[in-house]
Amino acid sequence: MTFAGATLSIILTFGTAHILDEKQQREDGRQTAMMVIHDIENSAELFRQYVQKEEQLFNTSQYVRENKQNMDAVSADSLLAFVTYVTASADHSYVFDDSSERTFLSSQEAWKNIDNAAFIDAVQDFYHNRRVIYSMLNKDYLFAKPISNGDYYQSLLQSPEGQQLDTAFWVDCAKRYLERRDVKMYVDYSFARRRYFNEYADTFRSMANRCKFMMGISDEELAQYVQNKSRTGKPLTKKKLIGKWKLQTADDLEAEREYRSDHTYTTSFMQYMSYSYYTGQIVLKCTMNGTWELRGDSLYTEQHPDYAYEFDRSQIHYLPEQEDAINHLLEMWKQSVIISLDQMTKEQGEQRKSVFASIDASGNKIEMRNSEGVVYLTRFDKP
């Protein structure tokens, strides 16, 4: 009886461990599958963004072309958008994030845990096709911008002194570019690029749905996976949120936000602007207001369509003969700021946004995450 009991105990112990190991392997395989499917869906979303951006820039280019006999009617922002649209930058290329691909292809253990040959074949086909597509995008003349970076640089060199990056410079570039046949063709073929982008997005969407069916993964389960993947830190509460926070920004930009207990907030930022006409920096100061609300792990904000701004030039030094040039530069910047802020606030009205928000263990850093990216805020007290 003792021997039988010991034998039974060993069988139960190792048998249970084996069952648990198999369960964990299935769960690991399912997590890997959702990582891959999420990557496929992200690829489809990226092409949808290409379509939206392409359509927006095409419409702007059409507006510029329709007014080529009356460029004074075209805003500097539209001229800049058109010139940028047809000009290749030094780093211009179509790129994608291949981190999930490298993780999947380099792990034989992940393939074993998935234990679905059809799914693995489909994923390998997706990764192969995606690389073929991006290789084509970076080589096909249909997608190549007609104005090289070198051509644009020569335009800068040949422009009159003091005209660089002025409205007159963009007008001159736009007029010359509009006369070029390759520019006309590039703009005209925007519809074809959008068609290709939509086809790739549809193909990847179908592939993602096919993979979900293969693995029995629902949309809700994948959404939960994505949410859990991005979840870091601790839940944010009203008590922890109230206060003054500094946004992580570039060296030439400072941004702050104050959340108050009455559910209002103020965002303020200072942009430090350098230029060749002066030493030191002109500071653009801007403030905007809104309301906030916490619901679970999401922070909802509603930005009001009012704003205030000013240019502080007290910290710059320049020669007296540069006074007119600086005044002209400030007027250009002022118009650009008004156009940008009006588009962002007044024209769009109340802007309601939501982000997933969490706070670290110290209570001094907040992570805000949505489809546009991640922002970090650090608590501070003004002296």
Protein backbone atom coordinates (compact mmCIF):
# COMPACT_ATOMS: atom_id res chain seq x y z
CA MET A 1 0.00 0.00 0.00
CA THR A 2 2.89 2.37 0.85
CA PHE A 3 4.58 1.61 -2.46
CA ALA A 4 1.31 2.07 -4.36
CA GLY A 5 0.66 5.37 -2.57
CA ALA A 6 4.14 6.69 -3.37
CA THR A 7 3.82 5.64 -7.00
CA LEU A 8 0.40 7.29 -7.29
CA SER A 9 1.77 10.46 -5.71
CA ILE A 10 4.63 10.58 -8.24
CA ILE A 11 2.24 10.02 -11.13
CA LEU A 12 -0.13 12.75 -9.92
CA THR A 13 2.71 15.21 -9.29
CA PHE A 14 4.46 14.76 -12.61
CA GLY A 15 1.21 14.29 -14.50
CA THR A 16 -0.14 17.59 -13.15
CA ALA A 17 3.14 19.33 -13.94
CA HIS A 18 2.98 18.03 -17.50
CA ILE A 19 -0.58 19.28 -17.90
CA LEU A 20 0.41 22.70 -16.52
CA ASP A 21 3.42 22.85 -18.85
CA GLU A 22 1.22 22.12 -21.85
CA LYS A 23 -1.28 24.77 -20.76
CA GLN A 24 1.51 27.33 -20.38
CA GLN A 25 2.91 26.43 -23.80
CA ARG A 26 -0.51 26.94 -25.37
CA GLU A 27 -0.84 30.30 -23.62
CA ASP A 28 2.65 31.35 -24.73
CA GLY A 29 1.81 30.34 -28.30
CA ARG A 30 -1.42 32.31 -28.17
CA GLN A 31 0.42 35.40 -26.90
CA THR A 32 2.93 35.08 -29.75
CA ALA A 33 0.10 34.71 -32.27
CA MET A 34 -1.58 37.87 -30.98
CA MET A 35 1.75 39.73 -31.16
CA VAL A 36 2.01 38.80 -34.84
CA ILE A 37 -1.63 39.59 -35.65
CA HIS A 38 -1.26 42.97 -33.95
CA ASP A 39 1.80 43.60 -36.13
CA ILE A 40 -0.23 42.77 -39.26
CA GLU A 41 -3.03 45.11 -38.22
CA ASN A 42 -0.51 47.88 -37.50
CA SER A 43 0.87 47.43 -41.01
CA ALA A 44 -2.62 47.85 -42.45
CA GLU A 45 -3.16 50.96 -40.33
CA LEU A 46 0.14 52.43 -41.54
CA PHE A 47 -1.02 52.17 -45.16
CA ARG A 48 -4.34 53.78 -44.25
CA GLN A 49 -2.34 56.69 -42.84
CA TYR A 50 -0.36 56.86 -46.08
CA VAL A 51 -3.66 57.21 -47.96
CA GLN A 52 -4.90 60.01 -45.73
CA LYS A 53 -1.63 61.93 -45.92
CA GLU A 54 -1.39 61.45 -49.69
CA GLU A 55 -4.92 62.73 -50.23
CA GLN A 56 -4.35 65.76 -48.01
CA LEU A 57 -1.13 66.73 -49.81
CA PHE A 58 -2.68 66.13 -53.24
CA ASN A 59 -5.55 68.49 -52.41
CA THR A 60 -3.08 71.13 -51.28
CA SER A 61 -1.03 70.67 -54.45
CA GLN A 62 -4.14 71.01 -56.59
CA TYR A 63 -4.98 74.25 -54.82
CA VAL A 64 -1.48 75.58 -55.53
CA ARG A 65 -1.69 74.51 -59.19
CA GLU A 66 -5.09 76.15 -59.63
CA ASN A 67 -3.66 79.42 -58.30
CA LYS A 68 -0.30 79.38 -60.07
CA GLN A 69 -1.21 82.67 -61.83
CA ASN A 70 -2.06 84.27 -58.51
CA MET A 71 0.35 82.94 -55.90
CA ASP A 72 -0.46 85.82 -53.54
CA ALA A 73 -3.74 84.04 -52.83
CA VAL A 74 -1.89 80.96 -51.57
CA SER A 75 -0.78 80.83 -47.93
CA ALA A 76 2.85 80.23 -47.01
CA ASP A 77 1.84 76.98 -45.26
CA SER A 78 0.23 75.65 -48.46
CA LEU A 79 3.26 76.59 -50.53
CA LEU A 80 5.56 74.91 -48.02
CA ALA A 81 3.36 71.79 -47.98
CA PHE A 82 3.47 71.56 -51.79
CA VAL A 83 7.26 72.05 -51.99
CA THR A 84 7.79 69.46 -49.24
CA TYR A 85 5.39 67.04 -50.95
CA VAL A 86 7.42 66.91 -54.17
CA THR A 87 10.90 67.21 -52.60
CA ALA A 88 12.88 64.19 -51.39
CA SER A 89 14.52 64.68 -48.01
CA ALA A 90 17.87 63.11 -47.18
CA ASP A 91 16.17 60.33 -45.20
CA HIS A 92 13.10 59.91 -47.41
CA SER A 93 12.10 56.26 -47.59
CA TYR A 94 9.21 53.99 -46.71
CA VAL A 95 10.05 52.14 -43.50
CA PHE A 96 8.32 49.80 -41.05
CA ASP A 97 8.97 48.38 -37.60
CA ASP A 98 10.32 44.83 -37.95
CA SER A 99 10.85 44.09 -34.24
CA SER A 100 7.92 41.63 -34.02
CA GLU A 101 9.06 39.97 -37.24
CA ARG A 102 12.56 39.41 -35.88
CA THR A 103 11.16 38.06 -32.61
CA PHE A 104 8.88 35.62 -34.40
CA LEU A 105 11.30 34.37 -37.04
CA SER A 106 14.18 33.89 -34.61
CA SER A 107 12.25 31.79 -32.08
CA GLN A 108 11.76 28.12 -32.94
CA GLU A 109 10.25 27.72 -29.46
CA ALA A 110 7.45 30.15 -30.39
CA TRP A 111 6.62 28.09 -33.49
CA LYS A 112 6.45 24.91 -31.41
CA ASN A 113 4.14 26.55 -28.87
CA ILE A 114 1.77 27.73 -31.59
CA ASP A 115 1.51 24.21 -33.10
CA ASN A 116 -0.42 25.42 -36.15
CA ALA A 117 1.50 24.94 -39.39
CA ALA A 118 -1.05 26.84 -41.51
CA PHE A 119 -0.79 29.87 -39.25
CA ILE A 120 3.01 29.84 -39.30
CA ASP A 121 3.01 29.58 -43.11
CA ALA A 122 0.57 32.49 -43.38
CA VAL A 123 2.70 34.66 -41.11
CA GLN A 124 5.87 33.87 -43.03
CA ASP A 125 4.06 34.79 -46.26
CA PHE A 126 2.98 38.10 -44.72
CA TYR A 127 6.49 39.03 -43.62
CA HIS A 128 7.90 38.09 -47.03
CA ASN A 129 5.21 40.06 -48.89
CA ARG A 130 5.64 43.09 -46.65
CA ARG A 131 9.36 43.25 -47.39
CA VAL A 132 8.69 42.90 -51.13
CA ILE A 133 6.14 45.72 -50.98
CA TYR A 134 8.41 48.11 -49.11
CA SER A 135 11.31 47.30 -51.41
CA MET A 136 9.10 48.21 -54.35
CA LEU A 137 7.92 51.44 -52.69
CA ASN A 138 11.52 52.56 -52.26
CA LYS A 139 12.54 51.73 -55.85
CA ASP A 140 9.51 52.40 -58.06
CA TYR A 141 9.60 55.79 -59.84
CA LEU A 142 5.86 56.14 -59.25
CA PHE A 143 6.61 56.65 -55.54
CA ALA A 144 9.87 58.61 -55.95
CA LYS A 145 9.67 62.35 -55.27
CA PRO A 146 10.71 64.30 -58.38
CA ILE A 147 12.73 67.07 -56.70
CA SER A 148 15.97 65.74 -55.26
CA ASN A 149 17.46 67.01 -52.04
CA GLY A 150 20.33 68.41 -54.11
CA ASP A 151 17.95 70.39 -56.37
CA TYR A 152 16.31 71.94 -53.33
CA TYR A 153 19.68 72.87 -51.84
CA GLN A 154 20.65 74.60 -55.09
CA SER A 155 17.43 76.60 -54.86
CA LEU A 156 18.51 77.79 -51.44
CA LEU A 157 21.94 78.79 -52.73
CA GLN A 158 20.54 80.68 -55.69
CA SER A 159 17.88 82.61 -53.78
CA PRO A 160 18.59 86.28 -52.96
CA GLU A 161 20.20 87.07 -49.63
CA GLY A 162 17.61 87.18 -46.87
CA GLN A 163 14.90 85.51 -48.97
CA GLN A 164 15.61 81.93 -47.82
CA LEU A 165 12.59 80.40 -46.09
CA ASP A 166 10.62 83.61 -46.71
CA THR A 167 7.25 83.45 -48.49
CA ALA A 168 8.94 84.76 -51.64
CA PHE A 169 11.25 81.73 -51.59
CA TRP A 170 8.33 79.26 -51.44
CA VAL A 171 6.56 81.15 -54.22
CA ASP A 172 9.64 81.00 -56.41
CA CYS A 173 10.13 77.27 -55.74
CA ALA A 174 6.48 76.49 -56.39
CA LYS A 175 6.44 78.40 -59.69
CA ARG A 176 9.55 76.62 -60.98
CA TYR A 177 8.42 73.19 -59.82
CA LEU A 178 4.98 73.58 -61.39
CA GLU A 179 6.66 73.93 -64.79
CA ARG A 180 8.39 70.56 -64.49
CA ARG A 181 6.82 67.56 -66.19
CA ASP A 182 8.04 65.11 -63.53
CA VAL A 183 6.37 67.19 -60.80
CA LYS A 184 3.11 67.26 -62.75
CA MET A 185 3.25 63.51 -63.20
CA TYR A 186 4.04 62.89 -59.54
CA VAL A 187 1.05 64.97 -58.42
CA ASP A 188 -1.26 63.52 -61.10
CA TYR A 189 -0.39 59.97 -60.06
CA SER A 190 -1.40 60.53 -56.46
CA PHE A 191 -4.58 58.56 -57.18
CA ALA A 192 -2.47 55.54 -58.21
CA ARG A 193 -0.37 55.67 -55.05
CA ARG A 194 -3.53 55.83 -52.96
CA ARG A 195 -4.96 52.87 -54.85
CA TYR A 196 -1.87 50.79 -54.10
CA PHE A 197 -1.86 51.86 -50.45
CA ASN A 198 -5.53 50.90 -50.09
CA GLU A 199 -4.90 47.53 -51.74
CA TYR A 200 -2.03 46.77 -49.35
CA ALA A 201 -4.14 47.85 -46.37
CA ASP A 202 -7.03 45.62 -47.48
CA THR A 203 -4.66 42.68 -48.06
CA PHE A 204 -3.16 43.00 -44.60
CA ARG A 205 -6.57 43.41 -42.97
CA SER A 206 -7.75 40.22 -44.65
CA MET A 207 -4.57 38.44 -43.55
CA ALA A 208 -5.10 39.56 -39.94
CA ASN A 209 -8.71 38.29 -39.96
CA ARG A 210 -7.62 35.00 -41.51
CA CYS A 211 -5.00 34.51 -38.80
CA LYS A 212 -7.57 35.27 -36.09
CA PHE A 213 -9.85 32.57 -37.48
CA MET A 214 -6.98 30.08 -37.65
CA MET A 215 -6.12 30.62 -33.98
CA GLY A 216 -9.65 31.22 -32.70
CA ILE A 217 -8.77 34.72 -31.48
CA SER A 218 -11.61 37.25 -31.24
CA ASP A 219 -11.35 40.99 -31.84
CA GLU A 220 -12.12 41.57 -28.16
CA GLU A 221 -9.34 39.22 -27.04
CA LEU A 222 -6.84 40.96 -29.31
CA ALA A 223 -7.94 44.39 -28.07
CA GLN A 224 -7.41 43.20 -24.49
CA TYR A 225 -3.94 41.94 -25.43
CA VAL A 226 -3.04 45.31 -26.93
CA GLN A 227 -4.32 47.12 -23.86
CA ASN A 228 -2.42 44.85 -21.47
CA LYS A 229 0.73 45.17 -23.57
CA SER A 230 0.68 48.95 -23.24
CA ARG A 231 -0.29 48.91 -19.56
CA THR A 232 2.54 50.11 -17.30
CA GLY A 233 2.74 51.81 -13.94
CA LYS A 234 -0.12 52.17 -11.45
CA PRO A 235 -3.68 53.47 -11.92
CA LEU A 236 -3.92 57.26 -11.98
CA THR A 237 -6.28 58.87 -9.46
CA LYS A 238 -7.67 62.38 -9.17
CA LYS A 239 -5.60 63.10 -6.06
CA LYS A 240 -2.39 62.06 -7.83
CA LEU A 241 -3.22 63.95 -11.03
CA ILE A 242 -3.93 67.37 -9.52
CA GLY A 243 -0.86 69.58 -9.70
CA LYS A 244 1.69 71.00 -12.13
CA TRP A 245 3.45 68.82 -14.68
CA LYS A 246 6.21 69.37 -17.22
CA LEU A 247 5.95 67.53 -20.54
CA GLN A 248 8.98 65.73 -21.91
CA THR A 249 9.95 67.83 -24.93
CA ALA A 250 12.87 68.88 -27.11
CA ASP A 251 15.56 71.29 -25.88
CA ASP A 252 14.04 74.20 -27.79
CA LEU A 253 10.53 73.65 -26.42
CA GLU A 254 9.15 73.75 -22.88
CA ALA A 255 5.60 72.61 -22.18
CA GLU A 256 3.71 72.53 -18.91
CA ARG A 257 0.24 71.48 -17.81
CA GLU A 258 -1.64 72.21 -14.60
CA TYR A 259 -4.57 70.00 -13.60
CA ARG A 260 -6.89 71.59 -11.03
CA SER A 261 -9.40 70.05 -8.62
CA ASP A 262 -12.35 71.73 -10.40
CA HIS A 263 -11.60 69.53 -13.44
CA THR A 264 -10.06 72.37 -15.49
CA TYR A 265 -6.54 72.44 -16.86
CA THR A 266 -4.17 74.87 -18.57
CA THR A 267 -1.49 73.95 -21.08
CA SER A 268 1.33 76.41 -21.68
CA PHE A 269 4.40 76.10 -23.86
CA MET A 270 7.42 78.16 -24.80
CA GLN A 271 9.14 77.69 -28.15
CA TYR A 272 12.70 79.04 -28.35
CA MET A 273 13.28 80.27 -31.90
CA SER A 274 16.70 80.96 -33.41
CA TYR A 275 17.49 82.63 -36.74
CA SER A 276 20.41 84.10 -38.64
CA TYR A 277 19.27 87.72 -38.16
CA TYR A 278 20.08 87.79 -34.43
CA THR A 279 21.84 86.13 -31.53
CA GLY A 280 19.87 84.76 -28.61
CA GLN A 281 16.34 83.43 -29.03
CA ILE A 282 12.87 84.79 -29.59
CA VAL A 283 10.42 83.01 -27.30
CA LEU A 284 6.90 82.11 -28.45
CA LYS A 285 4.65 81.78 -25.39
CA CYS A 286 1.21 80.20 -25.77
CA THR A 287 -1.53 79.04 -23.38
CA MET A 288 -4.68 76.96 -23.91
CA ASN A 289 -7.38 75.82 -21.49
CA GLY A 290 -9.72 72.88 -21.15
CA THR A 291 -11.48 70.42 -18.86
CA TRP A 292 -10.52 66.88 -17.78
CA GLU A 293 -12.18 63.73 -16.46
CA LEU A 294 -10.86 60.34 -15.29
CA ARG A 295 -12.80 57.19 -16.23
CA GLY A 296 -11.13 54.00 -15.14
CA ASP A 297 -7.65 53.97 -16.64
CA SER A 298 -8.47 56.63 -19.26
CA LEU A 299 -8.03 60.39 -19.00
CA TYR A 300 -10.49 62.40 -21.10
CA THR A 301 -9.68 66.01 -21.97
CA GLU A 302 -11.66 68.65 -23.82
CA GLN A 303 -9.61 71.55 -25.12
CA HIS A 304 -11.41 74.87 -25.49
CA PRO A 305 -11.13 76.78 -28.79
CA ASP A 306 -9.57 79.85 -27.17
CA TYR A 307 -5.86 80.57 -26.84
CA ALA A 308 -3.39 83.36 -26.07
CA TYR A 309 0.10 83.88 -27.40
CA GLU A 310 2.94 86.39 -27.56
CA PHE A 311 6.45 86.69 -29.00
CA ASP A 312 9.10 87.76 -26.50
CA ARG A 313 12.10 89.32 -28.23
CA SER A 314 13.73 90.78 -25.13
CA GLN A 315 16.55 88.22 -25.12
CA ILE A 316 17.90 88.80 -28.64
CA HIS A 317 20.69 91.06 -29.93
CA TYR A 318 21.05 92.32 -33.50
CA LEU A 319 22.44 95.11 -35.65
CA PRO A 320 20.14 98.13 -36.17
CA GLU A 321 19.92 97.45 -39.91
CA GLN A 322 18.30 94.07 -39.17
CA GLU A 323 15.28 95.66 -37.48
CA ASP A 324 13.03 95.56 -40.55
CA ALA A 325 14.03 92.01 -41.42
CA ILE A 326 13.26 90.82 -37.89
CA ASN A 327 9.89 92.61 -37.88
CA HIS A 328 9.06 90.94 -41.19
CA LEU A 329 10.15 87.55 -39.83
CA LEU A 330 7.98 87.98 -36.72
CA GLU A 331 4.99 88.89 -38.86
CA MET A 332 5.47 85.69 -40.89
CA TRP A 333 5.74 83.62 -37.72
CA LYS A 334 2.68 85.34 -36.27
CA GLN A 335 0.58 84.46 -39.32
CA SER A 336 1.83 80.88 -39.23
CA VAL A 337 1.00 80.56 -35.51
CA ILE A 338 -2.48 82.00 -36.01
CA ILE A 339 -3.22 79.65 -38.91
CA SER A 340 -1.93 76.61 -36.99
CA LEU A 341 -3.75 77.43 -33.76
CA ASP A 342 -6.97 78.34 -35.54
CA GLN A 343 -6.93 75.01 -37.36
CA MET A 344 -6.18 73.20 -34.10
CA THR A 345 -8.73 75.03 -31.96
CA LYS A 346 -11.27 77.45 -33.39
CA GLU A 347 -12.01 75.69 -36.68
CA GLN A 348 -12.26 72.26 -35.03
CA GLY A 349 -14.15 73.56 -32.00
CA GLU A 350 -14.04 71.63 -28.75
CA GLN A 351 -11.47 68.84 -29.08
CA ARG A 352 -12.24 65.80 -26.98
CA LYS A 353 -9.45 63.28 -26.63
CA SER A 354 -8.72 60.25 -24.47
CA VAL A 355 -5.47 58.60 -23.43
CA PHE A 356 -4.55 55.59 -21.34
CA ALA A 357 -2.89 57.14 -18.28
CA SER A 358 -0.84 55.59 -15.47
CA ILE A 359 1.58 56.85 -12.84
CA ASP A 360 4.88 55.42 -11.61
CA ALA A 361 5.60 54.22 -8.06
CA SER A 362 7.08 57.58 -7.01
CA GLY A 363 3.93 59.44 -8.04
CA ASN A 364 6.06 61.96 -9.93
CA LYS A 365 5.82 60.71 -13.52
CA ILE A 366 2.73 60.04 -15.66
CA GLU A 367 2.64 58.02 -18.85
CA MET A 368 -0.07 58.95 -21.40
CA ARG A 369 -0.56 56.60 -24.31
CA ASN A 370 -2.86 56.54 -27.34
CA SER A 371 -2.72 55.67 -31.04
CA GLU A 372 -0.63 58.79 -31.74
CA GLY A 373 2.18 57.78 -29.39
CA VAL A 374 3.37 58.13 -25.80
CA VAL A 375 3.88 61.29 -23.72
CA TYR A 376 5.51 61.54 -20.29
CA LEU A 377 4.78 64.22 -17.70
CA THR A 378 6.99 64.94 -14.69
CA ARG A 379 5.66 66.65 -11.58
CA PHE A 380 7.27 69.96 -10.62
CA ASP A 381 6.67 72.95 -8.35
CA LYS A 382 7.30 76.43 -9.58
CA PRO A 383 9.61 78.51 -7.33
